[in-house]
Amino acid sequence: MTNSQLTPGIVPGRLSAEAYCTNFADIAPPLDAHEVRVAADRCYFCHDAPCVTACPTEIDIPLFIRQIATGTPEAAARTIFSQNILGGICARVCPTETLCEGACVREAAEGKPVEIARLQRHATDTLMAKNAHPFTRAAPTGKRVAVVGAGPAGLAAAHRLAMKGHDVTLLDARPKGGGLNEYGIAAYKTAGGFAQAELDWLMGIGGITLKPGLALGRDLSLAELQAGHDAVFLGLGLGGVNALRAEGEDKANVLPATDFIRELRQAADLATLPIGRDVVVIGGGMTAIDAAVQARLLGAETVTLVYRRSKASMGASTVEQDHATQNGVRIICNAAPVRLLGSGAVVEVEFAYTEAREAGLHLLPQTFRLKADQVFKAIGQTLEPVPEGIATGGGKIAITGPGRTSISGVWAGGDCAQGGDDLTVTAAAEGRDAAMDIHLYLMGA
């Protein structure tokens, strides 16, 4: 018998095939030709545009929108890609409401910004659909660079280094490249296998050799990479998961939200992916939202996201929070887990209400319980393992300037490095800037 939302436990196939297709369709489908013209015409083409300042990669947004408005989207794409070679994925996943669109003059005046992200997607998709690469690789320099991690930072660094004529070996611990874009973002944001299509397109610059399935610290050491290359860039991401520090968190069916999202993203058939009837997600960032929404879209009857601090303190934007509630996710703030109950497998989670005090977060005596046959932890990740001999700070690789680490000839960027805000666009900017610094170092400038 087919399972339903009311089937107890953790089971697959809660929905119809049509429901899975609908639920995981592209959340923001491309604009049609008329919509593109209307959206582009709303831009004021500001001098000293605040949207450019708000973009971590400093794309010339007024220029590319003007290029779209004049019927040259391929030129617009080149403007975008010159600053951010991952402009395609960023157009889909960036929290533009807090970045470029949040700074838009139209947003301040009318409460409705220019649709920068969807215009950026129109331009980048147009060029990529022609399988055209906008840049030509420089003459080979004879220099070899190892890039560890094929996520946003590593891809941006590898592309810029290859473009400058260096030979790049791109290593990743997972079976496929893409990092966060491939394994860690909600499927409805990157529909149609876009992350892998973008990676393949990016590799068209030439000079990059991708070697998946190789992990730093397991299959090779930093010293070995240094010995075989002229420079090393570390874009490792964050592989560890913070503990709840609550009694019973070792019970069955208590999993990192990142594992759930990764499994979902790699599933050939979503109907085969088991999901609980009552799901609890603990955390308040983008990963928590993505896990909670996708649990609902897979057919969980109830999904509750619980965050220890206030709604205003959540790492996920207001737009993402609203998206979660519109999909039936209940959000409870100012509560922290204290016990996970059940014999072997989790059946309930007990939470204590919290209060922010000068000395820190304080647990109040009032508690409540939520039914849960599946719990996803999304309370942050950690650098694991730490590369040997490298200085850290705040749990991440310590860097100065454009990604320089404590070891000469080794750079770092993205989530594994200090600073930044754990966004794809920020990682892309850091990878690009580190690559330019590596180039100057290799050329003796």
Protein backbone atom coordinates (compact mmCIF):
# COMPACT_ATOMS: atom_id res chain seq x y z
CA MET A 1 0.00 0.00 0.00
CA THR A 2 1.26 3.48 -0.84
CA ASN A 3 2.44 5.50 2.12
CA SER A 4 0.90 8.87 2.97
CA GLN A 5 1.63 11.84 5.21
CA LEU A 6 -0.16 9.97 8.01
CA THR A 7 1.97 6.81 7.82
CA PRO A 8 3.85 6.43 11.13
CA GLY A 9 7.64 6.39 11.27
CA ILE A 10 10.23 7.16 8.63
CA VAL A 11 9.08 5.91 5.24
CA PRO A 12 9.47 6.74 1.54
CA GLY A 13 6.77 7.54 -1.00
CA ARG A 14 4.46 9.71 1.10
CA LEU A 15 3.35 11.69 -1.98
CA SER A 16 2.33 11.07 -5.57
CA ALA A 17 4.88 11.29 -8.37
CA GLU A 18 3.20 14.49 -9.58
CA ALA A 19 3.52 16.06 -6.12
CA TYR A 20 7.27 15.42 -6.00
CA CYS A 21 7.69 17.05 -9.41
CA THR A 22 5.63 20.06 -8.39
CA ASN A 23 7.23 20.46 -4.97
CA PHE A 24 10.80 20.37 -6.27
CA ALA A 25 10.30 22.40 -9.43
CA ASP A 26 12.42 25.51 -9.99
CA ILE A 27 11.43 27.95 -7.23
CA ALA A 28 12.14 31.03 -9.38
CA PRO A 29 11.78 30.03 -13.05
CA PRO A 30 13.44 32.23 -15.68
CA LEU A 31 11.79 35.42 -16.86
CA ASP A 32 10.26 35.42 -20.33
CA ALA A 33 11.29 38.00 -22.93
CA HIS A 34 8.61 40.51 -21.96
CA GLU A 35 9.34 40.16 -18.24
CA VAL A 36 13.04 40.74 -18.92
CA ARG A 37 12.33 44.01 -20.71
CA VAL A 38 10.00 45.23 -17.96
CA ALA A 39 12.42 44.29 -15.18
CA ALA A 40 15.41 45.92 -16.92
CA ASP A 41 13.45 49.12 -17.58
CA ARG A 42 12.94 49.60 -13.83
CA CYS A 43 16.66 50.15 -13.22
CA TYR A 44 17.72 53.78 -12.65
CA PHE A 45 21.34 52.95 -13.72
CA CYS A 46 22.57 54.78 -10.64
CA HIS A 47 25.98 56.43 -10.50
CA ASP A 48 27.87 54.96 -7.52
CA ALA A 49 25.10 52.37 -7.36
CA PRO A 50 24.50 51.00 -3.86
CA CYS A 51 23.69 47.57 -5.32
CA VAL A 52 27.27 47.24 -6.56
CA THR A 53 28.67 48.09 -3.13
CA ALA A 54 26.33 45.51 -1.57
CA CYS A 55 27.54 42.72 -3.90
CA PRO A 56 30.50 40.81 -2.40
CA THR A 57 31.89 40.26 -5.92
CA GLU A 58 31.25 43.92 -6.94
CA ILE A 59 29.51 43.11 -10.22
CA ASP A 60 28.72 46.24 -12.24
CA ILE A 61 24.97 45.71 -11.94
CA PRO A 62 23.78 48.89 -13.74
CA LEU A 63 26.05 48.06 -16.67
CA PHE A 64 24.85 44.49 -17.11
CA ILE A 65 21.20 45.54 -16.80
CA ARG A 66 21.75 48.24 -19.43
CA GLN A 67 23.33 45.61 -21.68
CA ILE A 68 20.25 43.42 -21.22
CA ALA A 69 17.97 46.39 -21.92
CA THR A 70 19.80 47.04 -25.20
CA GLY A 71 19.39 43.43 -26.33
CA THR A 72 22.90 42.11 -25.61
CA PRO A 73 22.49 39.56 -22.80
CA GLU A 74 25.73 37.80 -23.80
CA ALA A 75 27.64 41.02 -23.13
CA ALA A 76 25.80 41.31 -19.82
CA ALA A 77 26.92 37.78 -18.94
CA ARG A 78 30.54 38.67 -19.64
CA THR A 79 30.22 41.68 -17.33
CA ILE A 80 28.91 39.36 -14.62
CA PHE A 81 31.40 36.55 -15.16
CA SER A 82 34.37 38.92 -15.19
CA GLN A 83 33.68 39.50 -11.49
CA ASN A 84 31.99 36.25 -10.52
CA ILE A 85 32.46 33.14 -12.64
CA LEU A 86 29.74 31.51 -10.51
CA GLY A 87 27.23 34.19 -11.44
CA GLY A 88 24.78 31.54 -12.63
CA ILE A 89 24.43 29.74 -9.31
CA CYS A 90 24.59 33.00 -7.35
CA ALA A 91 21.62 34.30 -9.33
CA ARG A 92 19.70 31.33 -7.94
CA VAL A 93 20.89 31.05 -4.33
CA CYS A 94 22.14 34.47 -3.18
CA PRO A 95 20.10 36.13 -0.42
CA THR A 96 19.71 39.14 -2.70
CA GLU A 97 17.09 40.59 -0.38
CA THR A 98 19.89 41.40 2.06
CA LEU A 99 22.54 42.16 -0.58
CA CYS A 100 22.09 43.90 -3.94
CA GLU A 101 18.30 44.02 -4.03
CA GLY A 102 18.15 45.07 -0.41
CA ALA A 103 20.33 48.08 -1.28
CA CYS A 104 18.39 48.94 -4.46
CA VAL A 105 17.10 52.52 -4.69
CA ARG A 106 13.76 51.17 -5.89
CA GLU A 107 13.53 49.06 -2.72
CA ALA A 108 14.07 52.14 -0.55
CA ALA A 109 11.57 54.25 -2.51
CA GLU A 110 8.87 51.72 -3.40
CA GLY A 111 9.48 48.57 -1.37
CA LYS A 112 10.04 46.64 -4.60
CA PRO A 113 13.61 46.37 -5.87
CA VAL A 114 14.78 45.75 -9.42
CA GLU A 115 14.80 41.97 -9.92
CA ILE A 116 18.59 41.86 -10.14
CA ALA A 117 18.96 38.14 -9.46
CA ARG A 118 16.47 37.09 -12.14
CA LEU A 119 18.03 39.46 -14.65
CA GLN A 120 21.45 38.06 -13.79
CA ARG A 121 20.09 34.55 -14.33
CA HIS A 122 18.68 35.58 -17.72
CA ALA A 123 22.06 36.87 -18.87
CA THR A 124 24.18 34.00 -17.56
CA ASP A 125 21.75 31.31 -18.74
CA THR A 126 21.66 32.87 -22.21
CA LEU A 127 25.43 32.67 -22.62
CA MET A 128 25.81 29.27 -20.98
CA ALA A 129 23.07 27.79 -23.20
CA LYS A 130 25.32 28.51 -26.18
CA ASN A 131 28.08 26.50 -24.47
CA ALA A 132 30.30 29.53 -24.98
CA HIS A 133 33.09 30.35 -22.57
CA PRO A 134 33.57 34.11 -22.17
CA PHE A 135 37.31 34.04 -21.49
CA THR A 136 40.44 32.76 -23.21
CA ARG A 137 43.24 31.14 -21.27
CA ALA A 138 46.55 33.01 -21.19
CA ALA A 139 49.77 31.42 -22.42
CA PRO A 140 50.98 28.65 -20.06
CA THR A 141 53.24 29.92 -17.28
CA GLY A 142 54.67 26.54 -16.31
CA LYS A 143 53.46 27.06 -12.73
CA ARG A 144 51.37 24.43 -10.94
CA VAL A 145 48.76 25.18 -8.29
CA ALA A 146 46.83 22.72 -6.12
CA VAL A 147 43.29 23.78 -5.19
CA VAL A 148 41.78 21.70 -2.40
CA GLY A 149 38.00 21.73 -2.43
CA ALA A 150 35.83 22.02 -5.54
CA GLY A 151 33.20 24.18 -3.91
CA PRO A 152 32.49 27.86 -4.68
CA ALA A 153 35.80 29.21 -3.36
CA GLY A 154 37.89 26.48 -4.98
CA LEU A 155 36.09 26.73 -8.32
CA ALA A 156 36.47 30.50 -8.45
CA ALA A 157 40.15 30.25 -7.56
CA ALA A 158 40.81 27.42 -10.02
CA HIS A 159 39.13 29.26 -12.89
CA ARG A 160 40.96 32.53 -12.31
CA LEU A 161 44.32 30.75 -11.96
CA ALA A 162 43.73 28.73 -15.14
CA MET A 163 42.70 31.88 -16.97
CA LYS A 164 46.06 33.39 -16.01
CA GLY A 165 47.86 30.44 -17.61
CA HIS A 166 48.68 28.31 -14.57
CA ASP A 167 48.06 24.56 -14.46
CA VAL A 168 45.54 23.73 -11.73
CA THR A 169 44.92 20.43 -9.97
CA LEU A 170 41.48 20.62 -8.36
CA LEU A 171 41.01 18.09 -5.56
CA ASP A 172 37.82 17.19 -3.71
CA ALA A 173 37.00 14.55 -1.11
CA ARG A 174 33.58 13.79 -2.61
CA PRO A 175 32.78 11.79 -5.74
CA LYS A 176 31.77 14.95 -7.63
CA GLY A 177 32.88 18.56 -7.65
CA GLY A 178 30.61 21.44 -6.78
CA GLY A 179 30.84 21.44 -3.00
CA LEU A 180 28.01 23.34 -1.34
CA ASN A 181 26.39 24.06 -4.70
CA GLU A 182 26.08 20.35 -5.46
CA TYR A 183 25.57 18.87 -1.99
CA GLY A 184 24.30 21.55 0.38
CA ILE A 185 21.62 23.74 -1.21
CA ALA A 186 17.90 23.02 -1.50
CA ALA A 187 17.07 21.11 -4.68
CA TYR A 188 14.34 23.54 -5.75
CA LYS A 189 16.93 26.34 -5.94
CA THR A 190 19.22 24.47 -8.35
CA ALA A 191 16.76 22.45 -10.41
CA GLY A 192 17.75 20.56 -13.53
CA GLY A 193 21.24 19.56 -12.38
CA PHE A 194 22.44 23.13 -12.73
CA ALA A 195 25.37 22.85 -10.29
CA GLN A 196 27.07 20.12 -12.36
CA ALA A 197 26.25 21.85 -15.63
CA GLU A 198 27.87 25.02 -14.33
CA LEU A 199 30.96 23.10 -13.18
CA ASP A 200 31.35 21.48 -16.61
CA TRP A 201 30.95 24.86 -18.30
CA LEU A 202 33.50 26.48 -15.96
CA MET A 203 36.03 23.75 -16.75
CA GLY A 204 35.82 24.83 -20.39
CA ILE A 205 38.52 27.42 -19.70
CA GLY A 206 41.05 24.55 -19.86
CA GLY A 207 44.08 23.97 -17.66
CA ILE A 208 42.10 22.47 -14.75
CA THR A 209 42.32 18.79 -13.83
CA LEU A 210 39.59 17.66 -11.43
CA LYS A 211 40.51 14.78 -9.10
CA PRO A 212 37.53 13.75 -6.95
CA GLY A 213 37.65 11.28 -4.08
CA LEU A 214 40.87 12.67 -2.59
CA ALA A 215 40.74 14.13 0.92
CA LEU A 216 43.37 16.28 2.59
CA GLY A 217 44.61 14.52 5.71
CA ARG A 218 43.34 11.13 4.54
CA ASP A 219 44.77 10.58 1.07
CA LEU A 220 47.42 13.29 0.96
CA SER A 221 49.07 15.84 3.23
CA LEU A 222 49.54 19.56 2.88
CA ALA A 223 53.30 19.02 2.81
CA GLU A 224 52.94 16.64 -0.15
CA LEU A 225 50.85 19.20 -2.04
CA GLN A 226 53.41 21.91 -1.37
CA ALA A 227 56.23 19.67 -2.57
CA GLY A 228 54.50 19.00 -5.89
CA HIS A 229 53.10 22.46 -6.58
CA ASP A 230 54.19 26.07 -6.65
CA ALA A 231 51.23 27.20 -4.52
CA VAL A 232 48.24 25.73 -2.70
CA PHE A 233 44.74 27.12 -2.17
CA LEU A 234 42.51 25.62 0.52
CA GLY A 235 38.77 25.86 -0.07
CA LEU A 236 37.84 23.02 2.25
CA GLY A 237 34.49 24.19 3.51
CA LEU A 238 33.42 22.95 6.93
CA GLY A 239 33.17 19.19 7.32
CA GLY A 240 32.28 18.82 11.01
CA VAL A 241 28.91 19.39 12.69
CA ASN A 242 28.38 21.05 16.06
CA ALA A 243 26.85 18.91 18.79
CA LEU A 244 23.52 19.78 20.40
CA ARG A 245 24.98 19.08 23.84
CA ALA A 246 21.61 17.72 24.87
CA GLU A 247 20.93 14.45 26.63
CA GLY A 248 20.07 11.66 24.20
CA GLU A 249 21.34 13.24 21.01
CA ASP A 250 23.05 9.96 20.13
CA LYS A 251 19.69 8.27 19.59
CA ALA A 252 18.79 6.82 16.20
CA ASN A 253 17.27 9.14 13.58
CA VAL A 254 19.07 12.22 14.92
CA LEU A 255 21.15 13.41 11.98
CA PRO A 256 23.03 16.44 10.69
CA ALA A 257 20.80 18.48 8.38
CA THR A 258 23.70 18.60 5.93
CA ASP A 259 23.58 14.80 5.58
CA PHE A 260 19.85 14.91 4.84
CA ILE A 261 20.26 17.63 2.20
CA ARG A 262 23.21 15.83 0.61
CA GLU A 263 21.27 12.57 0.37
CA LEU A 264 18.28 14.37 -1.11
CA ARG A 265 20.39 16.19 -3.68
CA GLN A 266 21.97 12.94 -4.86
CA ALA A 267 18.76 10.87 -4.91
CA ALA A 268 17.80 9.64 -8.37
CA ASP A 269 14.15 9.32 -7.29
CA LEU A 270 12.78 11.45 -4.45
CA ALA A 271 9.97 8.96 -3.88
CA THR A 272 12.56 6.49 -2.55
CA LEU A 273 13.86 8.92 0.08
CA PRO A 274 12.44 8.11 3.56
CA ILE A 275 11.11 10.99 5.65
CA GLY A 276 9.48 11.08 9.07
CA ARG A 277 5.89 11.92 9.84
CA ASP A 278 6.94 14.39 12.56
CA VAL A 279 10.23 16.14 11.83
CA VAL A 280 12.06 18.59 14.09
CA VAL A 281 14.86 20.80 12.79
CA ILE A 282 17.10 22.54 15.30
CA GLY A 283 18.82 25.72 14.09
CA GLY A 284 18.10 29.08 12.53
CA GLY A 285 20.29 29.45 9.45
CA MET A 286 19.87 28.71 5.75
CA THR A 287 20.69 25.03 6.21
CA ALA A 288 17.95 24.70 8.82
CA ILE A 289 15.42 26.36 6.52
CA ASP A 290 16.44 24.24 3.52
CA ALA A 291 16.16 21.04 5.57
CA ALA A 292 12.80 21.99 7.09
CA VAL A 293 11.18 23.04 3.82
CA GLN A 294 12.42 19.98 1.96
CA ALA A 295 11.17 17.69 4.73
CA ARG A 296 7.71 19.18 4.18
CA LEU A 297 8.04 18.89 0.41
CA LEU A 298 8.89 15.19 0.81
CA GLY A 299 5.60 14.69 2.64
CA ALA A 300 6.27 15.04 6.37
CA GLU A 301 2.97 15.85 8.10
CA THR A 302 4.49 18.22 10.65
CA VAL A 303 7.83 20.01 10.48
CA THR A 304 8.89 22.29 13.32
CA LEU A 305 12.02 24.44 13.23
CA VAL A 306 13.25 25.46 16.68
CA TYR A 307 15.82 28.20 17.23
CA ARG A 308 17.39 29.13 20.55
CA ARG A 309 17.36 32.89 20.01
CA SER A 310 14.89 35.47 18.67
CA LYS A 311 13.43 35.49 15.17
CA ALA A 312 15.42 38.66 14.41
CA SER A 313 18.65 36.82 15.29
CA MET A 314 18.10 33.99 12.82
CA GLY A 315 20.79 33.58 10.19
CA ALA A 316 18.16 32.87 7.55
CA SER A 317 16.70 35.97 5.94
CA THR A 318 13.12 37.10 6.48
CA VAL A 319 12.33 36.02 2.92
CA GLU A 320 13.58 32.48 3.66
CA GLN A 321 11.69 32.38 6.96
CA ASP A 322 8.51 33.41 5.16
CA HIS A 323 9.14 30.77 2.50
CA ALA A 324 9.34 28.14 5.23
CA THR A 325 6.11 29.16 6.93
CA GLN A 326 4.32 29.36 3.56
CA ASN A 327 5.29 25.72 3.05
CA GLY A 328 3.81 24.69 6.38
CA VAL A 329 6.92 24.80 8.57
CA ARG A 330 6.23 25.94 12.11
CA ILE A 331 8.99 28.17 13.55
CA ILE A 332 9.52 28.37 17.31
CA CYS A 333 12.10 30.81 18.64
CA ASN A 334 13.72 31.32 22.04
CA ALA A 335 13.91 27.61 22.84
CA ALA A 336 16.82 25.18 23.15
CA PRO A 337 16.89 21.35 23.24
CA VAL A 338 17.65 19.80 26.63
CA ARG A 339 16.65 16.14 26.14
CA LEU A 340 15.89 13.76 23.30
CA LEU A 341 13.56 11.02 24.47
CA GLY A 342 12.94 7.51 23.21
CA SER A 343 14.08 3.93 23.57
CA GLY A 344 16.79 3.51 20.94
CA ALA A 345 15.23 5.90 18.42
CA VAL A 346 14.04 9.41 19.14
CA VAL A 347 10.29 9.91 19.71
CA GLU A 348 10.22 13.31 21.42
CA VAL A 349 12.42 16.33 21.99
CA GLU A 350 12.18 18.38 25.18
CA PHE A 351 12.98 22.07 24.88
CA ALA A 352 13.52 24.78 27.48
CA TYR A 353 12.50 28.34 26.78
CA THR A 354 15.46 30.72 26.67
CA GLU A 355 16.15 34.30 27.62
CA ALA A 356 18.99 36.49 26.39
CA ARG A 357 20.84 38.05 29.31
CA GLU A 358 24.01 40.09 29.62
CA ALA A 359 25.97 36.99 30.63
CA GLY A 360 24.62 35.03 27.66
CA LEU A 361 21.70 32.78 26.83
CA HIS A 362 19.82 31.55 29.90
CA LEU A 363 17.59 28.46 30.05
CA LEU A 364 14.27 29.09 31.79
CA PRO A 365 12.55 26.44 33.92
CA GLN A 366 9.55 26.27 31.57
CA THR A 367 9.81 23.42 29.07
CA PHE A 368 7.74 21.80 26.31
CA ARG A 369 7.98 18.66 24.19
CA LEU A 370 7.59 18.01 20.47
CA LYS A 371 6.85 14.66 18.85
CA ALA A 372 9.71 13.68 16.59
CA ASP A 373 10.53 10.52 14.70
CA GLN A 374 13.32 12.38 12.87
CA VAL A 375 15.55 15.22 14.12
CA PHE A 376 17.93 17.26 11.97
CA LYS A 377 20.74 19.25 13.58
CA ALA A 378 21.60 22.54 11.87
CA ILE A 379 23.45 24.51 14.51
CA GLY A 380 26.64 25.22 12.62
CA GLN A 381 29.63 23.37 11.24
CA THR A 382 33.27 23.11 12.19
CA LEU A 383 36.61 22.85 10.38
CA GLU A 384 37.49 19.18 10.38
CA PRO A 385 40.22 18.11 10.04
CA VAL A 386 42.50 21.12 10.52
CA PRO A 387 45.37 21.06 7.98
CA GLU A 388 48.64 20.26 9.70
CA GLY A 389 50.84 23.13 10.81
CA ILE A 390 48.42 25.90 9.85
CA ALA A 391 47.33 28.65 12.26
CA THR A 392 43.65 28.93 13.14
CA GLY A 393 41.45 31.50 14.81
CA GLY A 394 37.84 31.26 15.89
CA GLY A 395 37.73 27.65 14.75
CA LYS A 396 38.73 28.50 11.16
CA ILE A 397 41.94 28.96 9.18
CA ALA A 398 43.53 32.28 10.09
CA ILE A 399 44.17 34.50 7.06
CA THR A 400 45.51 37.95 6.29
CA GLY A 401 44.87 40.02 3.21
CA PRO A 402 43.49 38.08 0.22
CA GLY A 403 43.57 34.66 1.89
CA ARG A 404 47.20 34.33 2.97
CA THR A 405 47.66 31.72 5.70
CA SER A 406 50.43 31.34 8.27
CA ILE A 407 52.31 29.08 5.81
CA SER A 408 54.10 30.74 2.92
CA GLY A 409 52.74 29.62 -0.43
CA VAL A 410 49.40 28.49 1.03
CA TRP A 411 46.15 30.47 0.74
CA ALA A 412 42.63 29.78 2.00
CA GLY A 413 39.12 31.06 1.34
CA GLY A 414 35.44 30.29 1.66
CA ASP A 415 33.76 28.82 4.72
CA CYS A 416 36.96 27.27 6.09
CA ALA A 417 38.68 30.67 6.43
CA GLN A 418 38.20 33.45 8.95
CA GLY A 419 35.83 36.27 8.06
CA GLY A 420 33.14 36.19 5.44
CA ASP A 421 29.52 35.20 5.94
CA ASP A 422 29.34 31.61 4.65
CA LEU A 423 27.63 32.55 1.39
CA THR A 424 28.34 31.16 -2.08
CA VAL A 425 28.93 34.66 -3.44
CA THR A 426 31.37 35.55 -0.64
CA ALA A 427 33.27 32.31 -1.18
CA ALA A 428 33.48 33.07 -4.90
CA ALA A 429 34.88 36.54 -4.16
CA GLU A 430 37.45 35.14 -1.74
CA GLY A 431 38.56 32.44 -4.18
CA ARG A 432 38.90 34.97 -6.99
CA ASP A 433 40.88 37.44 -4.87
CA ALA A 434 43.18 34.77 -3.47
CA ALA A 435 43.84 33.53 -7.01
CA MET A 436 44.90 37.00 -8.11
CA ASP A 437 47.27 37.22 -5.13
CA ILE A 438 48.66 33.76 -5.94
CA HIS A 439 49.20 34.88 -9.54
CA LEU A 440 51.21 37.89 -8.42
CA TYR A 441 53.23 35.67 -6.07
CA LEU A 442 53.98 33.13 -8.81
CA MET A 443 54.99 35.79 -11.30
CA GLY A 444 57.26 37.49 -8.80
CA ALA A 445 55.31 40.75 -8.83
